[in-house]
PDB file of N, CA and C in Angstrom:
ATOM      1  N   MET A   1      42.544 -22.621   0.637  1.00  0.00           N
ATOM      2  CA  MET A   1      43.654 -22.828  -0.266  1.00  0.00           C
ATOM      3  C   MET A   1      44.567 -21.614  -0.245  1.00  0.00           C
ATOM      4  N   LYS A   2      45.846 -21.854  -0.144  1.00  0.00           N
ATOM      5  CA  LYS A   2      46.821 -20.775  -0.188  1.00  0.00           C
ATOM      6  C   LYS A   2      47.746 -21.010  -1.368  1.00  0.00           C
ATOM      7  N   ASN A   3      47.918 -19.997  -2.173  1.00  0.00           N
ATOM      8  CA  ASN A   3      48.824 -20.074  -3.319  1.00  0.00           C
ATOM      9  C   ASN A   3      48.556 -21.289  -4.207  1.00  0.00           C
ATOM     10  N   GLY A   4      47.292 -21.643  -4.379  1.00  0.00           N
ATOM     11  CA  GLY A   4      46.943 -22.778  -5.217  1.00  0.00           C
ATOM     12  C   GLY A   4      47.153 -24.128  -4.553  1.00  0.00           C
ATOM     13  N   ARG A   5      47.589 -24.132  -3.297  1.00  0.00           N
ATOM     14  CA  ARG A   5      47.795 -25.389  -2.577  1.00  0.00           C
ATOM     15  C   ARG A   5      46.798 -25.497  -1.443  1.00  0.00           C
ATOM     16  N   GLN A   6      46.343 -26.692  -1.214  1.00  0.00           N
ATOM     17  CA  GLN A   6      45.413 -26.916  -0.114  1.00  0.00           C
ATOM     18  C   GLN A   6      46.210 -26.967   1.185  1.00  0.00           C
ATOM     19  N   THR A   7      45.746 -26.222   2.181  1.00  0.00           N
ATOM     20  CA  THR A   7      46.437 -26.229   3.463  1.00  0.00           C
ATOM     21  C   THR A   7      45.745 -27.189   4.411  1.00  0.00           C
ATOM     22  N   ILE A   8      46.534 -27.877   5.191  1.00  0.00           N
ATOM     23  CA  ILE A   8      46.001 -28.785   6.191  1.00  0.00           C
ATOM     24  C   ILE A   8      45.991 -28.031   7.514  1.00  0.00           C
ATOM     25  N   PRO A   9      44.832 -28.008   8.193  1.00  0.00           N
ATOM     26  CA  PRO A   9      44.776 -27.259   9.451  1.00  0.00           C
ATOM     27  C   PRO A   9      45.728 -27.855  10.479  1.00  0.00           C
ATOM     28  N   GLU A  10      46.325 -26.967  11.272  1.00  0.00           N
ATOM     29  CA  GLU A  10      47.244 -27.432  12.307  1.00  0.00           C
ATOM     30  C   GLU A  10      46.498 -28.173  13.404  1.00  0.00           C
ATOM     31  N   LYS A  11      45.284 -27.742  13.693  1.00  0.00           N
ATOM     32  CA  LYS A  11      44.523 -28.375  14.757  1.00  0.00           C
ATOM     33  C   LYS A  11      43.037 -28.276  14.441  1.00  0.00           C
ATOM     34  N   ILE A  12      42.345 -29.389  14.592  1.00  0.00           N
ATOM     35  CA  ILE A  12      40.903 -29.409  14.431  1.00  0.00           C
ATOM     36  C   ILE A  12      40.306 -29.624  15.815  1.00  0.00           C
ATOM     37  N   VAL A  13      39.371 -28.771  16.184  1.00  0.00           N
ATOM     38  CA  VAL A  13      38.738 -28.830  17.492  1.00  0.00           C
ATOM     39  C   VAL A  13      37.320 -29.355  17.315  1.00  0.00           C
ATOM     40  N   VAL A  14      36.913 -30.269  18.195  1.00  0.00           N
ATOM     41  CA  VAL A  14      35.555 -30.803  18.156  1.00  0.00           C
ATOM     42  C   VAL A  14      34.721 -30.037  19.171  1.00  0.00           C
ATOM     43  N   ALA A  15      33.617 -29.450  18.697  1.00  0.00           N
ATOM     44  CA  ALA A  15      32.737 -28.655  19.552  1.00  0.00           C
ATOM     45  C   ALA A  15      31.327 -29.230  19.525  1.00  0.00           C
ATOM     46  N   CYS A  16      30.633 -29.132  20.662  1.00  0.00           N
ATOM     47  CA  CYS A  16      29.242 -29.565  20.731  1.00  0.00           C
ATOM     48  C   CYS A  16      28.383 -28.582  19.942  1.00  0.00           C
ATOM     49  N   ALA A  17      27.551 -29.101  19.069  1.00  0.00           N
ATOM     50  CA  ALA A  17      26.702 -28.265  18.228  1.00  0.00           C
ATOM     51  C   ALA A  17      25.598 -27.581  19.035  1.00  0.00           C
ATOM     52  N   TYR A  18      25.332 -28.073  20.246  1.00  0.00           N
ATOM     53  CA  TYR A  18      24.258 -27.512  21.058  1.00  0.00           C
ATOM     54  C   TYR A  18      24.764 -26.488  22.071  1.00  0.00           C
ATOM     55  N   CYS A  19      25.809 -26.833  22.838  1.00  0.00           N
ATOM     56  CA  CYS A  19      26.243 -25.952  23.930  1.00  0.00           C
ATOM     57  C   CYS A  19      27.622 -25.334  23.701  1.00  0.00           C
ATOM     58  N   SER A  20      28.313 -25.716  22.641  1.00  0.00           N
ATOM     59  CA  SER A  20      29.632 -25.194  22.266  1.00  0.00           C
ATOM     60  C   SER A  20      30.777 -25.631  23.175  1.00  0.00           C
ATOM     61  N   LYS A  21      30.566 -26.650  24.014  1.00  0.00           N
ATOM     62  CA  LYS A  21      31.680 -27.192  24.783  1.00  0.00           C
ATOM     63  C   LYS A  21      32.652 -27.837  23.805  1.00  0.00           C
ATOM     64  N   LEU A  22      33.923 -27.901  24.198  1.00  0.00           N
ATOM     65  CA  LEU A  22      34.953 -28.496  23.358  1.00  0.00           C
ATOM     66  C   LEU A  22      35.366 -29.849  23.904  1.00  0.00           C
ATOM     67  N   LEU A  23      35.619 -30.785  23.009  1.00  0.00           N
ATOM     68  CA  LEU A  23      36.072 -32.112  23.403  1.00  0.00           C
ATOM     69  C   LEU A  23      37.559 -32.047  23.713  1.00  0.00           C
ATOM     70  N   LYS A  24      37.901 -32.434  24.926  1.00  0.00           N
ATOM     71  CA  LYS A  24      39.293 -32.454  25.365  1.00  0.00           C
ATOM     72  C   LYS A  24      39.754 -33.901  25.477  1.00  0.00           C
ATOM     73  N   ARG A  25      40.934 -34.101  26.007  1.00  0.00           N
ATOM     74  CA  ARG A  25      41.448 -35.455  26.200  1.00  0.00           C
ATOM     75  C   ARG A  25      40.574 -36.246  27.146  1.00  0.00           C
ATOM     76  N   ASN A  26      40.622 -37.557  27.002  1.00  0.00           N
ATOM     77  CA  ASN A  26      39.892 -38.495  27.869  1.00  0.00           C
ATOM     78  C   ASN A  26      38.390 -38.267  27.849  1.00  0.00           C
ATOM     79  N   ASP A  27      37.853 -37.862  26.715  1.00  0.00           N
ATOM     80  CA  ASP A  27      36.411 -37.646  26.537  1.00  0.00           C
ATOM     81  C   ASP A  27      35.818 -36.619  27.488  1.00  0.00           C
ATOM     82  N   ASN A  28      36.589 -35.635  27.892  1.00  0.00           N
ATOM     83  CA  ASN A  28      36.085 -34.545  28.724  1.00  0.00           C
ATOM     84  C   ASN A  28      35.623 -33.411  27.824  1.00  0.00           C
ATOM     85  N   TRP A  29      34.465 -32.845  28.151  1.00  0.00           N
ATOM     86  CA  TRP A  29      33.930 -31.711  27.410  1.00  0.00           C
ATOM     87  C   TRP A  29      33.990 -30.489  28.306  1.00  0.00           C
ATOM     88  N   GLU A  30      34.587 -29.397  27.817  1.00  0.00           N
ATOM     89  CA  GLU A  30      34.739 -28.164  28.591  1.00  0.00           C
ATOM     90  C   GLU A  30      34.405 -26.967  27.712  1.00  0.00           C
ATOM     91  N   TYR A  31      34.014 -25.877  28.366  1.00  0.00           N
ATOM     92  CA  TYR A  31      33.745 -24.649  27.617  1.00  0.00           C
ATOM     93  C   TYR A  31      35.047 -24.038  27.127  1.00  0.00           C
ATOM     94  N   ASP A  32      34.979 -23.305  26.019  1.00  0.00           N
ATOM     95  CA  ASP A  32      36.140 -22.662  25.390  1.00  0.00           C
ATOM     96  C   ASP A  32      36.795 -21.681  26.348  1.00  0.00           C
ATOM     97  N   LYS A  33      38.098 -21.871  26.536  1.00  0.00           N
ATOM     98  CA  LYS A  33      38.858 -20.968  27.412  1.00  0.00           C
ATOM     99  C   LYS A  33      40.011 -20.366  26.620  1.00  0.00           C
ATOM    100  N   GLY A  34      39.669 -19.600  25.598  1.00  0.00           N
ATOM    101  CA  GLY A  34      40.691 -18.889  24.845  1.00  0.00           C
ATOM    102  C   GLY A  34      41.474 -19.749  23.870  1.00  0.00           C
ATOM    103  N   THR A  35      40.865 -20.775  23.301  1.00  0.00           N
ATOM    104  CA  THR A  35      41.589 -21.633  22.360  1.00  0.00           C
ATOM    105  C   THR A  35      41.569 -21.096  20.945  1.00  0.00           C
ATOM    106  N   GLY A  36      40.823 -20.045  20.705  1.00  0.00           N
ATOM    107  CA  GLY A  36      40.806 -19.460  19.375  1.00  0.00           C
ATOM    108  C   GLY A  36      39.646 -19.915  18.515  1.00  0.00           C
ATOM    109  N   VAL A  37      38.744 -20.723  19.055  1.00  0.00           N
ATOM    110  CA  VAL A  37      37.609 -21.206  18.262  1.00  0.00           C
ATOM    111  C   VAL A  37      36.693 -20.046  17.904  1.00  0.00           C
ATOM    112  N   LYS A  38      36.389 -19.213  18.869  1.00  0.00           N
ATOM    113  CA  LYS A  38      35.472 -18.096  18.616  1.00  0.00           C
ATOM    114  C   LYS A  38      36.062 -17.079  17.649  1.00  0.00           C
ATOM    115  N   SER A  39      37.363 -16.914  17.679  1.00  0.00           N
ATOM    116  CA  SER A  39      37.997 -15.944  16.796  1.00  0.00           C
ATOM    117  C   SER A  39      38.260 -16.511  15.407  1.00  0.00           C
ATOM    118  N   GLY A  40      37.998 -17.818  15.233  1.00  0.00           N
ATOM    119  CA  GLY A  40      38.187 -18.434  13.931  1.00  0.00           C
ATOM    120  C   GLY A  40      39.611 -18.844  13.642  1.00  0.00           C
ATOM    121  N   MET A  41      40.460 -18.903  14.657  1.00  0.00           N
ATOM    122  CA  MET A  41      41.856 -19.260  14.457  1.00  0.00           C
ATOM    123  C   MET A  41      42.045 -20.765  14.228  1.00  0.00           C
ATOM    124  N   LEU A  42      41.089 -21.576  14.682  1.00  0.00           N
ATOM    125  CA  LEU A  42      41.192 -23.025  14.544  1.00  0.00           C
ATOM    126  C   LEU A  42      40.030 -23.550  13.718  1.00  0.00           C
ATOM    127  N   ASP A  43      40.228 -24.714  13.092  1.00  0.00           N
ATOM    128  CA  ASP A  43      39.131 -25.363  12.375  1.00  0.00           C
ATOM    129  C   ASP A  43      38.298 -26.152  13.364  1.00  0.00           C
ATOM    130  N   VAL A  44      36.988 -26.151  13.149  1.00  0.00           N
ATOM    131  CA  VAL A  44      36.065 -26.784  14.085  1.00  0.00           C
ATOM    132  C   VAL A  44      35.260 -27.873  13.380  1.00  0.00           C
ATOM    133  N   SER A  45      35.120 -28.995  14.073  1.00  0.00           N
ATOM    134  CA  SER A  45      34.224 -30.057  13.648  1.00  0.00           C
ATOM    135  C   SER A  45      33.176 -30.188  14.750  1.00  0.00           C
ATOM    136  N   HIS A  46      31.944 -30.466  14.394  1.00  0.00           N
ATOM    137  CA  HIS A  46      30.879 -30.500  15.391  1.00  0.00           C
ATOM    138  C   HIS A  46      30.454 -31.917  15.737  1.00  0.00           C
ATOM    139  N   SER A  47      30.035 -32.063  16.976  1.00  0.00           N
ATOM    140  CA  SER A  47      29.519 -33.313  17.510  1.00  0.00           C
ATOM    141  C   SER A  47      28.476 -32.937  18.565  1.00  0.00           C
ATOM    142  N   ILE A  48      28.109 -33.876  19.431  1.00  0.00           N
ATOM    143  CA  ILE A  48      27.184 -33.596  20.528  1.00  0.00           C
ATOM    144  C   ILE A  48      27.793 -34.154  21.805  1.00  0.00           C
ATOM    145  N   CYS A  49      27.908 -33.324  22.837  1.00  0.00           N
ATOM    146  CA  CYS A  49      28.465 -33.777  24.111  1.00  0.00           C
ATOM    147  C   CYS A  49      27.450 -34.693  24.806  1.00  0.00           C
ATOM    148  N   PRO A  50      27.903 -35.531  25.729  1.00  0.00           N
ATOM    149  CA  PRO A  50      26.988 -36.457  26.417  1.00  0.00           C
ATOM    150  C   PRO A  50      25.830 -35.764  27.122  1.00  0.00           C
ATOM    151  N   ASP A  51      26.062 -34.604  27.727  1.00  0.00           N
ATOM    152  CA  ASP A  51      24.985 -33.896  28.425  1.00  0.00           C
ATOM    153  C   ASP A  51      23.886 -33.467  27.460  1.00  0.00           C
ATOM    154  N   CYS A  52      24.267 -32.907  26.330  1.00  0.00           N
ATOM    155  CA  CYS A  52      23.278 -32.467  25.339  1.00  0.00           C
ATOM    156  C   CYS A  52      22.613 -33.659  24.658  1.00  0.00           C
ATOM    157  N   LEU A  53      23.373 -34.727  24.457  1.00  0.00           N
ATOM    158  CA  LEU A  53      22.795 -35.943  23.881  1.00  0.00           C
ATOM    159  C   LEU A  53      21.718 -36.487  24.802  1.00  0.00           C
ATOM    160  N   LYS A  54      22.021 -36.539  26.091  1.00  0.00           N
ATOM    161  CA  LYS A  54      21.061 -37.051  27.080  1.00  0.00           C
ATOM    162  C   LYS A  54      19.817 -36.175  27.144  1.00  0.00           C
ATOM    163  N   GLU A  55      20.009 -34.859  27.095  1.00  0.00           N
ATOM    164  CA  GLU A  55      18.893 -33.922  27.188  1.00  0.00           C
ATOM    165  C   GLU A  55      18.034 -33.911  25.926  1.00  0.00           C
ATOM    166  N   ASN A  56      18.664 -33.930  24.761  1.00  0.00           N
ATOM    167  CA  ASN A  56      17.935 -33.781  23.501  1.00  0.00           C
ATOM    168  C   ASN A  56      17.553 -35.098  22.830  1.00  0.00           C
ATOM    169  N   PHE A  57      18.323 -36.155  23.114  1.00  0.00           N
ATOM    170  CA  PHE A  57      18.073 -37.459  22.497  1.00  0.00           C
ATOM    171  C   PHE A  57      18.200 -38.558  23.557  1.00  0.00           C
ATOM    172  N   PRO A  58      17.293 -38.593  24.535  1.00  0.00           N
ATOM    173  CA  PRO A  58      17.443 -39.538  25.656  1.00  0.00           C
ATOM    174  C   PRO A  58      17.440 -41.005  25.233  1.00  0.00           C
ATOM    175  N   ARG A  59      16.642 -41.351  24.256  1.00  0.00           N
ATOM    176  CA  ARG A  59      16.578 -42.752  23.805  1.00  0.00           C
ATOM    177  C   ARG A  59      17.914 -43.190  23.206  1.00  0.00           C
ATOM    178  N   GLU A  60      18.470 -42.372  22.346  1.00  0.00           N
ATOM    179  CA  GLU A  60      19.751 -42.685  21.721  1.00  0.00           C
ATOM    180  C   GLU A  60      20.868 -42.719  22.756  1.00  0.00           C
ATOM    181  N   TYR A  61      20.790 -41.819  23.749  1.00  0.00           N
ATOM    182  CA  TYR A  61      21.786 -41.800  24.820  1.00  0.00           C
ATOM    183  C   TYR A  61      21.792 -43.134  25.562  1.00  0.00           C
ATOM    184  N   LEU A  62      20.613 -43.652  25.903  1.00  0.00           N
ATOM    185  CA  LEU A  62      20.523 -44.931  26.606  1.00  0.00           C
ATOM    186  C   LEU A  62      21.053 -46.083  25.761  1.00  0.00           C
ATOM    187  N   ILE A  63      20.770 -46.059  24.479  1.00  0.00           N
ATOM    188  CA  ILE A  63      21.270 -47.102  23.578  1.00  0.00           C
ATOM    189  C   ILE A  63      22.796 -47.082  23.549  1.00  0.00           C
ATOM    190  N   ILE A  64      23.384 -45.903  23.440  1.00  0.00           N
ATOM    191  CA  ILE A  64      24.840 -45.783  23.408  1.00  0.00           C
ATOM    192  C   ILE A  64      25.450 -46.273  24.718  1.00  0.00           C
ATOM    193  N   GLN A  65      24.821 -45.923  25.852  1.00  0.00           N
ATOM    194  CA  GLN A  65      25.344 -46.367  27.146  1.00  0.00           C
ATOM    195  C   GLN A  65      25.294 -47.890  27.273  1.00  0.00           C
ATOM    196  N   GLU A  66      24.217 -48.498  26.798  1.00  0.00           N
ATOM    197  CA  GLU A  66      24.116 -49.958  26.844  1.00  0.00           C
ATOM    198  C   GLU A  66      25.160 -50.606  25.940  1.00  0.00           C
ATOM    199  N   GLU A  67      25.400 -50.023  24.775  1.00  0.00           N
ATOM    200  CA  GLU A  67      26.428 -50.554  23.875  1.00  0.00           C
ATOM    201  C   GLU A  67      27.817 -50.456  24.513  1.00  0.00           C
ATOM    202  N   LYS A  68      28.084 -49.356  25.208  1.00  0.00           N
ATOM    203  CA  LYS A  68      29.376 -49.192  25.885  1.00  0.00           C
ATOM    204  C   LYS A  68      29.548 -50.230  26.986  1.00  0.00           C
ATOM    205  N   LYS A  69      28.477 -50.487  27.764  1.00  0.00           N
ATOM    206  CA  LYS A  69      28.533 -51.487  28.835  1.00  0.00           C
ATOM    207  C   LYS A  69      28.791 -52.876  28.264  1.00  0.00           C
ATOM    208  N   ALA A  70      28.092 -53.216  27.178  1.00  0.00           N
ATOM    209  CA  ALA A  70      28.271 -54.525  26.549  1.00  0.00           C
ATOM    210  C   ALA A  70      29.693 -54.682  26.021  1.00  0.00           C
ATOM    211  N   LYS A  71      30.230 -53.643  25.392  1.00  0.00           N
ATOM    212  CA  LYS A  71      31.598 -53.692  24.870  1.00  0.00           C
ATOM    213  C   LYS A  71      32.611 -53.847  25.998  1.00  0.00           C
ATOM    214  N   MET A  72      32.396 -53.112  27.088  1.00  0.00           N
ATOM    215  CA  MET A  72      33.307 -53.194  28.221  1.00  0.00           C
ATOM    216  C   MET A  72      33.275 -54.599  28.836  1.00  0.00           C
ATOM    217  N   SER A  73      32.086 -55.162  28.980  1.00  0.00           N
ATOM    218  CA  SER A  73      31.954 -56.516  29.528  1.00  0.00           C
ATOM    219  C   SER A  73      32.654 -57.527  28.633  1.00  0.00           C
ATOM    220  N   GLN A  74      32.482 -57.382  27.324  1.00  0.00           N
ATOM    221  CA  GLN A  74      33.120 -58.284  26.368  1.00  0.00           C
ATOM    222  C   GLN A  74      34.638 -58.146  26.440  1.00  0.00           C
ATOM    223  N   ASP A  75      35.141 -56.928  26.517  1.00  0.00           N
ATOM    224  CA  ASP A  75      36.587 -56.705  26.611  1.00  0.00           C
ATOM    225  C   ASP A  75      37.160 -57.318  27.880  1.00  0.00           C
ATOM    226  N   ILE A  76      36.451 -57.164  28.983  1.00  0.00           N
ATOM    227  CA  ILE A  76      36.908 -57.738  30.256  1.00  0.00           C
ATOM    228  C   ILE A  76      36.912 -59.255  30.176  1.00  0.00           C
ATOM    229  N   GLU A  77      35.839 -59.810  29.631  1.00  0.00           N
ATOM    230  CA  GLU A  77      35.744 -61.267  29.507  1.00  0.00           C
ATOM    231  C   GLU A  77      36.857 -61.822  28.623  1.00  0.00           C
ATOM    232  N   GLU A  78      37.115 -61.169  27.496  1.00  0.00           N
ATOM    233  CA  GLU A  78      38.182 -61.618  26.599  1.00  0.00           C
ATOM    234  C   GLU A  78      39.550 -61.466  27.252  1.00  0.00           C
ATOM    235  N   GLY A  79      39.725 -60.392  28.020  1.00  0.00           N
ATOM    236  CA  GLY A  79      40.982 -60.186  28.720  1.00  0.00           C
ATOM    237  C   GLY A  79      41.228 -61.260  29.754  1.00  0.00           C
ATOM    238  N   LEU A  80      40.187 -61.666  30.466  1.00  0.00           N
ATOM    239  CA  LEU A  80      40.325 -62.727  31.461  1.00  0.00           C
ATOM    240  C   LEU A  80      40.609 -64.062  30.798  1.00  0.00           C
ATOM    241  N   LYS A  81      39.974 -64.317  29.650  1.00  0.00           N
ATOM    242  CA  LYS A  81      40.243 -65.563  28.930  1.00  0.00           C
ATOM    243  C   LYS A  81      41.706 -65.614  28.501  1.00  0.00           C
ATOM    244  N   ASP A  82      42.204 -64.489  27.992  1.00  0.00           N
ATOM    245  CA  ASP A  82      43.607 -64.453  27.569  1.00  0.00           C
ATOM    246  C   ASP A  82      44.548 -64.633  28.758  1.00  0.00           C
ATOM    247  N   PHE A  83      44.197 -63.971  29.858  1.00  0.00           N
ATOM    248  CA  PHE A  83      45.063 -63.989  31.022  1.00  0.00           C
ATOM    249  C   PHE A  83      45.073 -65.361  31.691  1.00  0.00           C
ATOM    250  N   TYR A  84      43.888 -65.951  31.825  1.00  0.00           N
ATOM    251  CA  TYR A  84      43.778 -67.240  32.502  1.00  0.00           C
ATOM    252  C   TYR A  84      43.670 -68.406  31.533  1.00  0.00           C
ATOM    253  N   GLY A  85      43.777 -68.136  30.244  1.00  0.00           N
ATOM    254  CA  GLY A  85      43.583 -69.174  29.240  1.00  0.00           C
ATOM    255  C   GLY A  85      44.437 -70.397  29.462  1.00  0.00           C
ATOM    256  N   HIS A  86      45.665 -70.233  29.846  1.00  0.00           N
ATOM    257  CA  HIS A  86      46.534 -71.381  30.030  1.00  0.00           C
ATOM    258  C   HIS A  86      46.107 -72.224  31.217  1.00  0.00           C
ATOM    259  N   ILE A  87      45.402 -71.648  32.192  1.00  0.00           N
ATOM    260  CA  ILE A  87      44.949 -72.399  33.362  1.00  0.00           C
ATOM    261  C   ILE A  87      43.684 -73.179  33.040  1.00  0.00           C
ATOM    262  N   THR A  88      42.766 -72.596  32.265  1.00  0.00           N
ATOM    263  CA  THR A  88      41.466 -73.209  32.018  1.00  0.00           C
ATOM    264  C   THR A  88      41.470 -74.219  30.887  1.00  0.00           C
ATOM    265  N   LYS A  89      42.549 -74.321  30.137  1.00  0.00           N
ATOM    266  CA  LYS A  89      42.586 -75.252  29.003  1.00  0.00           C
ATOM    267  C   LYS A  89      42.608 -76.686  29.461  1.00  0.00           C
TER     268      LYS A  89
END
């Protein structure tokens, strides 16, 4: 809080709680390269990167991967129905 007002952080960075990699665009996890996380310049939220999830929680990692595959298959199937729907009716 500054001057009695709550400040909203300019940027929140997601870091792996195990290895400290940072979540970048397109679900890429990379090590900190001077973004200010270590110096405390940015606010940090914690998560677990896929590598650490696989290493520390292999069962949960497999469940998540299967859920992603099922969702992708469903999205593709629905997309094809929409695209070819007028032909198959």
